[in-house]
N, C-alpha and C. Protein backbone atom coordinates (compact mmCIF):
# COMPACT_ATOMS: atom_id res chain seq x y z
N MET A 1 5.80 -24.97 13.42
CA MET A 1 5.31 -23.64 12.75
C MET A 1 5.04 -21.94 13.72
N GLY A 2 5.40 -20.98 12.93
CA GLY A 2 5.08 -20.06 14.04
C GLY A 2 3.71 -19.51 13.12
N ILE A 3 3.15 -18.54 14.59
CA ILE A 3 2.07 -17.86 14.28
C ILE A 3 1.77 -17.47 12.77
N ARG A 4 2.65 -16.58 12.58
CA ARG A 4 2.73 -15.87 11.00
C ARG A 4 2.39 -16.91 10.05
N GLN A 5 3.20 -18.22 9.80
CA GLN A 5 2.49 -19.01 8.99
C GLN A 5 0.99 -19.73 8.97
N LYS A 6 0.76 -20.05 10.17
CA LYS A 6 -0.50 -20.42 10.44
C LYS A 6 -1.48 -19.24 9.84
N LEU A 7 -1.40 -18.16 10.22
CA LEU A 7 -2.14 -17.44 9.39
C LEU A 7 -2.24 -16.75 8.04
N VAL A 8 -0.94 -17.25 7.51
CA VAL A 8 -0.74 -17.09 6.00
C VAL A 8 -1.52 -18.37 5.39
N ASP A 9 -1.38 -19.49 6.20
CA ASP A 9 -1.97 -20.94 5.37
C ASP A 9 -3.57 -20.59 5.76
N ALA A 10 -4.19 -19.94 7.00
CA ALA A 10 -5.70 -20.05 7.10
C ALA A 10 -5.88 -18.79 5.97
N SER A 11 -5.55 -17.87 5.69
CA SER A 11 -6.06 -17.20 4.58
C SER A 11 -6.18 -17.57 3.39
N ARG A 12 -4.97 -18.48 2.96
CA ARG A 12 -5.06 -18.92 1.54
C ARG A 12 -6.10 -20.36 1.50
N ASP A 13 -6.56 -20.95 2.71
CA ASP A 13 -7.30 -21.62 2.68
C ASP A 13 -8.84 -21.24 2.73
N THR A 14 -9.18 -19.97 3.09
CA THR A 14 -9.84 -19.12 2.98
C THR A 14 -10.46 -18.43 1.68
N LEU A 15 -9.09 -18.12 1.34
CA LEU A 15 -9.50 -17.40 -0.37
C LEU A 15 -9.47 -18.91 -1.53
N ALA A 16 -9.29 -19.49 -1.45
CA ALA A 16 -9.38 -20.93 -1.67
C ALA A 16 -11.21 -21.24 -1.71
N SER A 17 -11.43 -21.35 -0.73
CA SER A 17 -12.62 -21.76 -0.51
C SER A 17 -13.93 -20.81 -1.10
N ILE A 18 -13.24 -19.13 -0.99
CA ILE A 18 -14.41 -18.40 -1.44
C ILE A 18 -14.35 -18.32 -3.01
N GLU A 19 -13.14 -18.57 -3.61
CA GLU A 19 -12.64 -18.76 -4.88
C GLU A 19 -13.66 -19.84 -5.61
N ASN A 20 -13.86 -21.15 -5.04
CA ASN A 20 -14.41 -22.32 -5.28
C ASN A 20 -15.84 -22.27 -5.25
N ARG A 21 -16.68 -21.53 -4.15
CA ARG A 21 -18.01 -21.13 -4.48
C ARG A 21 -18.50 -20.23 -5.30
N LEU A 22 -17.40 -19.12 -6.02
CA LEU A 22 -17.74 -17.96 -6.56
C LEU A 22 -17.71 -18.67 -8.19
N ALA A 23 -17.02 -19.45 -7.99
CA ALA A 23 -16.73 -20.30 -9.16
C ALA A 23 -17.97 -20.94 -9.86
N GLY A 24 -18.63 -21.35 -8.94
CA GLY A 24 -19.99 -22.18 -8.99
C GLY A 24 -20.70 -21.48 -9.37
N VAL A 25 -20.87 -19.41 -8.85
CA VAL A 25 -21.80 -19.15 -8.84
C VAL A 25 -22.06 -18.53 -10.17
N PHE A 26 -20.51 -17.76 -10.54
CA PHE A 26 -20.72 -16.53 -11.58
C PHE A 26 -20.17 -17.65 -12.66
N ARG A 27 -20.63 -17.36 -14.26
CA ARG A 27 -20.16 -17.94 -15.23
C ARG A 27 -19.96 -16.50 -16.26
N PRO A 28 -18.69 -17.15 -17.01
CA PRO A 28 -18.23 -15.98 -17.64
C PRO A 28 -19.24 -15.68 -18.91
N VAL A 29 -19.24 -14.42 -19.23
CA VAL A 29 -20.47 -13.85 -20.25
C VAL A 29 -19.48 -13.48 -21.52
N ALA A 30 -20.30 -13.52 -22.78
CA ALA A 30 -19.55 -13.16 -23.81
C ALA A 30 -20.12 -11.35 -23.97
N PRO A 31 -19.02 -10.41 -24.31
CA PRO A 31 -19.62 -9.13 -24.52
C PRO A 31 -20.17 -9.04 -25.74
N ARG A 32 -21.15 -7.84 -26.22
CA ARG A 32 -21.74 -8.15 -27.36
C ARG A 32 -20.65 -7.39 -28.47
N ARG A 33 -20.64 -7.20 -29.76
CA ARG A 33 -19.57 -6.58 -30.57
C ARG A 33 -19.82 -5.29 -30.28
N GLU A 34 -20.91 -5.06 -30.19
CA GLU A 34 -21.20 -3.31 -30.30
C GLU A 34 -20.73 -2.52 -29.22
N PHE A 35 -20.62 -3.45 -27.95
CA PHE A 35 -20.31 -2.72 -26.81
C PHE A 35 -18.82 -2.74 -26.67
N VAL A 36 -17.93 -4.00 -27.27
CA VAL A 36 -16.39 -4.15 -27.60
C VAL A 36 -16.02 -3.03 -28.47
N SER A 37 -16.58 -2.59 -29.60
CA SER A 37 -16.24 -1.77 -30.65
C SER A 37 -16.56 -0.29 -30.09
N GLY A 38 -17.49 -0.24 -29.12
CA GLY A 38 -17.34 1.21 -28.36
C GLY A 38 -16.66 2.06 -27.33
N LEU A 39 -16.50 0.48 -27.20
CA LEU A 39 -14.90 0.81 -26.05
C LEU A 39 -13.66 0.82 -26.61
N GLN A 40 -13.45 0.36 -27.51
CA GLN A 40 -12.52 0.67 -28.55
C GLN A 40 -12.20 1.88 -28.84
N ARG A 41 -13.47 2.44 -29.52
CA ARG A 41 -13.30 3.94 -29.99
C ARG A 41 -12.81 4.74 -28.74
N LYS A 42 -13.81 4.47 -28.17
CA LYS A 42 -13.43 5.60 -26.78
C LYS A 42 -11.98 5.61 -26.13
N ILE A 43 -11.42 4.28 -25.98
CA ILE A 43 -10.05 4.28 -25.20
C ILE A 43 -9.19 4.60 -26.58
N GLN A 44 -9.17 4.34 -27.81
CA GLN A 44 -8.28 4.92 -28.94
C GLN A 44 -8.35 6.66 -28.80
N VAL A 45 -7.17 7.18 -28.18
CA VAL A 45 -7.20 8.87 -28.26
C VAL A 45 -6.10 9.10 -29.34
N LYS A 46 -6.52 9.99 -30.30
CA LYS A 46 -5.82 10.65 -31.24
C LYS A 46 -4.43 11.23 -30.42
N ARG A 47 -3.38 11.23 -30.59
CA ARG A 47 -2.40 12.01 -29.74
C ARG A 47 -1.81 13.06 -30.93
N GLN A 48 -2.23 14.34 -30.26
CA GLN A 48 -1.71 15.29 -31.39
C GLN A 48 -0.73 16.11 -30.37
N ALA A 49 0.31 16.55 -30.65
CA ALA A 49 1.59 17.38 -30.18
C ALA A 49 0.57 18.29 -29.96
N ILE A 50 0.86 19.26 -28.72
CA ILE A 50 0.46 20.20 -28.62
C ILE A 50 1.57 21.29 -28.43
N ILE A 51 1.99 22.16 -29.43
CA ILE A 51 3.16 23.14 -29.06
C ILE A 51 2.63 24.26 -29.45
N GLU A 52 2.81 25.20 -28.26
CA GLU A 52 2.33 26.53 -28.25
C GLU A 52 3.52 27.64 -28.23
N ARG A 53 3.79 28.27 -29.11
CA ARG A 53 5.03 29.58 -29.16
C ARG A 53 4.11 30.56 -27.98
N PHE A 54 5.41 31.31 -27.42
CA PHE A 54 4.96 32.50 -27.19
C PHE A 54 4.82 33.58 -28.01
N ASN A 55 4.24 34.53 -27.83
CA ASN A 55 4.12 35.84 -28.85
C ASN A 55 5.35 36.84 -28.14
N ASN A 56 5.77 37.54 -28.73
CA ASN A 56 6.63 38.90 -28.11
C ASN A 56 6.27 39.43 -26.99
N LEU A 57 5.11 39.94 -26.61
CA LEU A 57 4.37 40.39 -25.79
C LEU A 57 4.49 39.53 -24.45
N GLU A 58 4.50 38.13 -24.50
CA GLU A 58 4.21 37.24 -23.37
C GLU A 58 5.60 36.65 -23.22
N PHE A 59 6.53 36.82 -24.47
CA PHE A 59 8.02 36.66 -23.90
C PHE A 59 8.94 37.54 -23.49
N LEU A 60 8.54 38.64 -23.46
CA LEU A 60 8.76 40.09 -23.23
C LEU A 60 8.44 39.84 -21.61
N LEU A 61 6.87 39.86 -21.05
CA LEU A 61 6.57 39.99 -19.96
C LEU A 61 7.16 38.65 -18.84
N LEU A 62 7.32 37.66 -19.54
CA LEU A 62 8.25 36.40 -18.93
C LEU A 62 9.63 36.87 -18.61
N PHE A 63 10.38 37.36 -19.47
CA PHE A 63 11.43 37.60 -18.95
C PHE A 63 12.04 39.00 -18.29
N LEU A 64 10.76 39.86 -18.19
CA LEU A 64 11.14 40.93 -17.44
C LEU A 64 10.51 40.41 -15.67
N ALA A 65 9.41 39.34 -15.75
CA ALA A 65 9.39 38.70 -14.29
C ALA A 65 10.41 38.08 -14.11
N GLY A 66 11.41 37.34 -14.72
CA GLY A 66 12.32 36.64 -14.46
C GLY A 66 13.54 38.08 -13.80
N VAL A 67 13.50 39.06 -14.55
CA VAL A 67 14.61 39.78 -13.94
C VAL A 67 14.10 40.17 -12.87
N ILE A 68 13.23 40.79 -12.65
CA ILE A 68 12.87 41.51 -11.63
C ILE A 68 12.74 40.45 -10.63
N ALA A 69 12.32 38.90 -10.49
CA ALA A 69 12.70 38.04 -9.13
C ALA A 69 14.07 37.90 -8.90
N SER A 70 15.07 37.77 -10.09
CA SER A 70 16.29 37.89 -9.45
C SER A 70 16.86 38.90 -9.23
N ILE A 71 16.34 39.89 -9.07
CA ILE A 71 17.12 41.13 -8.80
C ILE A 71 16.51 41.18 -6.93
N VAL A 72 15.12 40.62 -6.86
CA VAL A 72 14.71 40.48 -5.65
C VAL A 72 15.65 39.45 -4.64
N LEU A 73 15.78 38.57 -5.46
CA LEU A 73 16.51 37.50 -4.46
C LEU A 73 18.10 37.81 -4.20
N VAL A 74 18.50 38.46 -5.17
CA VAL A 74 19.83 38.90 -4.51
C VAL A 74 19.86 39.92 -3.88
N ALA A 75 18.33 41.01 -3.60
CA ALA A 75 18.66 41.79 -2.81
C ALA A 75 18.32 41.34 -1.41
N LEU A 76 17.15 40.20 -1.49
CA LEU A 76 17.08 39.50 0.02
C LEU A 76 18.41 38.79 0.79
N GLY A 77 19.06 38.21 -0.65
CA GLY A 77 20.24 37.24 -0.18
C GLY A 77 21.51 38.48 0.50
N VAL A 78 21.62 39.57 -0.09
CA VAL A 78 22.37 40.49 0.24
C VAL A 78 22.08 41.07 1.92
N ARG A 79 20.87 41.51 1.93
CA ARG A 79 20.31 41.98 3.23
C ARG A 79 20.26 40.43 4.18
N ALA A 80 20.07 39.72 3.98
CA ALA A 80 20.27 38.19 4.57
C ALA A 80 21.92 38.62 5.22
N LEU A 81 22.69 38.25 4.31
CA LEU A 81 24.14 38.27 4.51
C LEU A 81 24.43 39.35 5.76
N LEU A 82 23.79 40.71 5.30
CA LEU A 82 24.25 42.00 6.05
C LEU A 82 23.40 41.52 7.38
N SER A 83 22.51 41.11 7.54
CA SER A 83 21.83 40.80 8.90
C SER A 83 22.73 39.55 9.66
N LEU A 84 23.05 38.82 9.15
CA LEU A 84 23.98 37.82 9.86
C LEU A 84 25.35 38.48 9.85
N LEU A 85 26.30 39.31 9.28
CA LEU A 85 27.18 39.83 9.99
C LEU A 85 27.13 40.65 10.96
N ALA A 86 25.49 41.40 11.23
CA ALA A 86 25.43 42.28 12.07
C ALA A 86 25.39 41.71 13.46
N ALA A 87 24.71 40.55 13.23
CA ALA A 87 24.25 39.50 14.65
C ALA A 87 25.79 38.99 14.74
N LEU A 88 26.36 38.63 14.17
CA LEU A 88 27.87 38.18 14.69
C LEU A 88 29.09 39.49 15.41
N GLY A 89 28.55 40.49 14.85
CA GLY A 89 29.16 41.64 15.25
C GLY A 89 30.46 41.93 14.28
N VAL A 90 30.49 41.50 13.22
CA VAL A 90 31.57 41.96 12.40
C VAL A 90 31.21 43.77 11.59
N ILE A 91 30.41 43.79 11.69
CA ILE A 91 30.29 45.19 10.71
C ILE A 91 30.41 46.01 12.25
N HIS A 92 30.20 45.42 13.34
CA HIS A 92 30.55 46.56 14.28
C HIS A 92 32.35 46.54 14.70
N GLN A 93 32.62 45.57 14.63
CA GLN A 93 34.00 45.44 14.60
C GLN A 93 34.98 46.33 13.82
N THR A 94 34.68 45.73 12.76
CA THR A 94 35.17 46.66 11.40
C THR A 94 35.12 48.14 11.53
N ASP A 95 33.85 48.57 11.89
CA ASP A 95 33.62 49.99 12.15
C ASP A 95 34.45 50.57 13.19
N ARG A 96 34.83 49.63 14.19
CA ARG A 96 35.62 50.23 15.15
C ARG A 96 36.98 50.37 14.95
N GLN A 97 37.62 49.63 13.98
CA GLN A 97 38.57 49.65 13.50
C GLN A 97 38.92 50.74 12.75
N ILE A 98 37.86 50.92 11.85
CA ILE A 98 38.34 52.41 10.72
C ILE A 98 38.23 53.58 11.47
N LYS A 99 37.75 53.85 12.42
CA LYS A 99 37.37 54.80 13.48
C LYS A 99 38.66 54.85 14.22
N LYS A 100 39.71 53.70 14.58
CA LYS A 100 40.67 53.80 15.47
C LYS A 100 41.82 54.32 14.12
N ARG A 101 41.45 53.81 13.40
CA ARG A 101 43.03 54.46 12.25
C ARG A 101 42.67 55.63 11.65
N ALA A 102 41.42 56.18 11.85
CA ALA A 102 41.39 57.74 11.45
C ALA A 102 41.77 58.66 12.67
N LYS A 103 41.69 57.57 13.99
CA LYS A 103 42.24 58.37 14.52
C LYS A 103 44.01 58.64 15.21
N ILE A 104 44.65 57.24 14.40
CA ILE A 104 45.93 57.35 14.60
C ILE A 104 46.32 58.20 13.01
N THR A 105 45.84 58.45 12.15
CA THR A 105 46.69 58.82 11.08
C THR A 105 46.39 60.59 11.65
N PRO A 106 47.22 61.33 11.09
CA PRO A 106 46.98 62.53 11.53
C PRO A 106 45.96 63.19 10.04
N SER A 107 45.55 64.12 10.42
CA SER A 107 44.79 65.22 9.63
C SER A 107 45.27 65.69 9.16
N ARG A 108 45.19 65.92 7.35
CA ARG A 108 45.74 67.03 6.59
C ARG A 108 45.02 68.36 6.91
N VAL A 109 45.92 69.22 6.97
CA VAL A 109 45.93 70.53 7.55
C VAL A 109 45.39 71.62 6.06
């Protein structure tokens, strides 16, 4: 037998002796009927459906908040994309190519 099995057996024996000792000390008690009925009343909860509708002003405010939040998120996404492209040098490179093409093409008189 391994150490683990010995520990499990010892804890089972200890628990069994504690249970035997407590079985002799504690005796079951029948609760009073008033106590039981009082607990039943407290436990039983009437389930009521809580449905609340938004009025027009609340709906309008929530809608506007959603639209504004969406616009802010799109603006932040565009800004992050431009920052990433600038960090990678793509915007600067494109700017150089546009300036080269402008030099190559003759200007109109």
